[in-house]
Amino acid sequence: MSNMEKCPLCSGQIRIEYKNFSYNADGKAHTIPNIKYYVCSNCNERFLDEESSRKIDQFKEE
């Protein structure tokens, strides 16, 4: 997904955004900074690449 140009759902243009990823675990809120998202300019669907998914998984395992 690293070279995604078109949204697989609606064929809209994809832009890259870096945002915080927030989740709750064990009754606590957690935030992972600067996660890369591929965002469709048409439907606003967000996608993660393998690197971002791995970063989230590693953070959750700590």
N, C-alpha and C. Protein backbone atom coordinates (compact mmCIF):
# COMPACT_ATOMS: atom_id res chain seq x y z
N MET A 1 0.82 -1.20 0.00
CA MET A 1 0.00 0.00 0.00
C MET A 1 0.86 1.26 0.00
N SER A 2 2.15 1.12 0.01
CA SER A 2 3.02 2.28 0.14
C SER A 2 2.96 3.21 -1.06
N ASN A 3 2.55 2.74 -2.22
CA ASN A 3 2.46 3.60 -3.39
C ASN A 3 1.02 3.83 -3.81
N MET A 4 0.12 3.83 -2.85
CA MET A 4 -1.29 3.99 -3.14
C MET A 4 -1.58 5.38 -3.70
N GLU A 5 -2.20 5.42 -4.85
CA GLU A 5 -2.56 6.70 -5.47
C GLU A 5 -4.07 6.88 -5.53
N LYS A 6 -4.79 5.78 -5.68
CA LYS A 6 -6.25 5.82 -5.79
C LYS A 6 -6.87 5.00 -4.68
N CYS A 7 -7.98 5.47 -4.16
CA CYS A 7 -8.70 4.74 -3.11
C CYS A 7 -9.26 3.44 -3.69
N PRO A 8 -9.03 2.32 -3.00
CA PRO A 8 -9.58 1.05 -3.50
C PRO A 8 -11.10 0.96 -3.36
N LEU A 9 -11.70 1.86 -2.58
CA LEU A 9 -13.16 1.82 -2.38
C LEU A 9 -13.91 2.69 -3.38
N CYS A 10 -13.37 3.89 -3.67
CA CYS A 10 -14.13 4.82 -4.53
C CYS A 10 -13.30 5.44 -5.66
N SER A 11 -12.03 5.08 -5.75
CA SER A 11 -11.09 5.60 -6.76
C SER A 11 -10.73 7.07 -6.57
N GLY A 12 -11.01 7.63 -5.39
CA GLY A 12 -10.62 9.01 -5.10
C GLY A 12 -9.11 9.12 -4.93
N GLN A 13 -8.61 10.35 -4.96
CA GLN A 13 -7.19 10.61 -4.78
C GLN A 13 -6.79 10.36 -3.33
N ILE A 14 -5.60 9.82 -3.15
CA ILE A 14 -5.07 9.53 -1.82
C ILE A 14 -4.03 10.57 -1.44
N ARG A 15 -4.12 11.03 -0.18
CA ARG A 15 -3.09 11.91 0.36
C ARG A 15 -2.54 11.26 1.62
N ILE A 16 -1.32 11.62 1.97
CA ILE A 16 -0.70 11.08 3.17
C ILE A 16 -0.83 12.09 4.29
N GLU A 17 -1.26 11.62 5.46
CA GLU A 17 -1.36 12.45 6.66
C GLU A 17 -0.68 11.73 7.80
N TYR A 18 -0.07 12.49 8.68
CA TYR A 18 0.52 11.94 9.90
C TYR A 18 -0.33 12.41 11.06
N LYS A 19 -0.89 11.46 11.78
CA LYS A 19 -1.77 11.77 12.90
C LYS A 19 -1.47 10.84 14.06
N ASN A 20 -1.95 11.23 15.22
CA ASN A 20 -1.84 10.37 16.39
C ASN A 20 -2.86 9.24 16.29
N PHE A 21 -2.47 8.06 16.78
CA PHE A 21 -3.37 6.92 16.84
C PHE A 21 -3.71 6.71 18.30
N SER A 22 -4.98 6.76 18.63
CA SER A 22 -5.42 6.60 20.02
C SER A 22 -6.24 5.32 20.17
N TYR A 23 -6.05 4.68 21.33
CA TYR A 23 -6.81 3.47 21.63
C TYR A 23 -6.90 3.32 23.15
N ASN A 24 -7.81 2.49 23.59
CA ASN A 24 -7.99 2.19 25.02
C ASN A 24 -7.62 0.74 25.28
N ALA A 25 -6.89 0.53 26.37
CA ALA A 25 -6.53 -0.83 26.78
C ALA A 25 -6.39 -0.85 28.29
N ASP A 26 -6.92 -1.86 28.89
CA ASP A 26 -6.85 -2.01 30.35
C ASP A 26 -7.41 -0.80 31.08
N GLY A 27 -8.44 -0.19 30.51
CA GLY A 27 -9.07 0.96 31.14
C GLY A 27 -8.29 2.25 31.04
N LYS A 28 -7.24 2.28 30.22
CA LYS A 28 -6.41 3.47 30.06
C LYS A 28 -6.38 3.90 28.60
N ALA A 29 -6.32 5.22 28.40
CA ALA A 29 -6.19 5.77 27.05
C ALA A 29 -4.72 5.84 26.68
N HIS A 30 -4.40 5.45 25.46
CA HIS A 30 -3.02 5.47 24.96
C HIS A 30 -3.00 6.22 23.63
N THR A 31 -1.89 6.89 23.35
CA THR A 31 -1.73 7.60 22.09
C THR A 31 -0.36 7.30 21.50
N ILE A 32 -0.33 6.95 20.23
CA ILE A 32 0.91 6.72 19.51
C ILE A 32 1.06 7.89 18.53
N PRO A 33 2.12 8.68 18.63
CA PRO A 33 2.26 9.87 17.78
C PRO A 33 2.75 9.54 16.37
N ASN A 34 2.39 10.41 15.45
CA ASN A 34 2.93 10.42 14.08
C ASN A 34 2.79 9.11 13.32
N ILE A 35 1.57 8.59 13.27
CA ILE A 35 1.30 7.41 12.46
C ILE A 35 0.90 7.87 11.06
N LYS A 36 1.50 7.23 10.05
CA LYS A 36 1.21 7.60 8.66
C LYS A 36 -0.08 6.94 8.19
N TYR A 37 -1.01 7.76 7.73
CA TYR A 37 -2.27 7.30 7.16
C TYR A 37 -2.34 7.69 5.68
N TYR A 38 -2.95 6.83 4.90
CA TYR A 38 -3.33 7.16 3.53
C TYR A 38 -4.81 7.49 3.60
N VAL A 39 -5.17 8.71 3.21
CA VAL A 39 -6.54 9.19 3.38
C VAL A 39 -7.12 9.55 2.01
N CYS A 40 -8.31 9.05 1.74
CA CYS A 40 -9.00 9.36 0.48
C CYS A 40 -9.60 10.75 0.56
N SER A 41 -9.34 11.56 -0.46
CA SER A 41 -9.88 12.92 -0.50
C SER A 41 -11.37 12.93 -0.84
N ASN A 42 -11.89 11.81 -1.32
CA ASN A 42 -13.30 11.74 -1.69
C ASN A 42 -14.17 11.17 -0.57
N CYS A 43 -13.85 9.97 -0.08
CA CYS A 43 -14.69 9.32 0.92
C CYS A 43 -14.12 9.41 2.34
N ASN A 44 -12.91 9.95 2.47
CA ASN A 44 -12.23 10.12 3.76
C ASN A 44 -11.87 8.81 4.47
N GLU A 45 -11.93 7.71 3.76
CA GLU A 45 -11.49 6.43 4.34
C GLU A 45 -9.99 6.51 4.61
N ARG A 46 -9.56 5.90 5.72
CA ARG A 46 -8.15 5.89 6.10
C ARG A 46 -7.59 4.48 6.00
N PHE A 47 -6.35 4.40 5.53
CA PHE A 47 -5.66 3.13 5.38
C PHE A 47 -4.29 3.24 6.02
N LEU A 48 -3.80 2.13 6.53
CA LEU A 48 -2.46 2.05 7.10
C LEU A 48 -1.60 1.15 6.22
N ASP A 49 -0.31 1.47 6.13
CA ASP A 49 0.60 0.56 5.44
C ASP A 49 1.20 -0.40 6.47
N GLU A 50 2.01 -1.33 6.01
CA GLU A 50 2.60 -2.34 6.90
C GLU A 50 3.45 -1.70 7.98
N GLU A 51 4.23 -0.71 7.61
CA GLU A 51 5.11 -0.04 8.57
C GLU A 51 4.32 0.58 9.72
N SER A 52 3.25 1.27 9.40
CA SER A 52 2.42 1.90 10.43
C SER A 52 1.73 0.85 11.29
N SER A 53 1.24 -0.20 10.67
CA SER A 53 0.60 -1.29 11.42
C SER A 53 1.59 -1.94 12.38
N ARG A 54 2.80 -2.16 11.91
CA ARG A 54 3.85 -2.76 12.74
C ARG A 54 4.18 -1.85 13.92
N LYS A 55 4.28 -0.55 13.67
CA LYS A 55 4.57 0.42 14.73
C LYS A 55 3.49 0.38 15.82
N ILE A 56 2.24 0.31 15.40
CA ILE A 56 1.12 0.24 16.35
C ILE A 56 1.20 -1.07 17.16
N ASP A 57 1.43 -2.19 16.47
CA ASP A 57 1.53 -3.48 17.14
C ASP A 57 2.67 -3.50 18.16
N GLN A 58 3.82 -2.96 17.77
CA GLN A 58 4.96 -2.93 18.70
C GLN A 58 4.66 -2.08 19.92
N PHE A 59 4.02 -0.96 19.72
CA PHE A 59 3.69 -0.06 20.83
C PHE A 59 2.72 -0.76 21.78
N LYS A 60 1.74 -1.47 21.26
CA LYS A 60 0.75 -2.15 22.09
C LYS A 60 1.36 -3.30 22.89
N GLU A 61 2.43 -3.90 22.38
CA GLU A 61 3.07 -5.02 23.06
C GLU A 61 3.91 -4.56 24.24
N GLU A 62 4.31 -3.30 24.28
CA GLU A 62 5.16 -2.79 25.35
C GLU A 62 4.43 -2.68 26.66
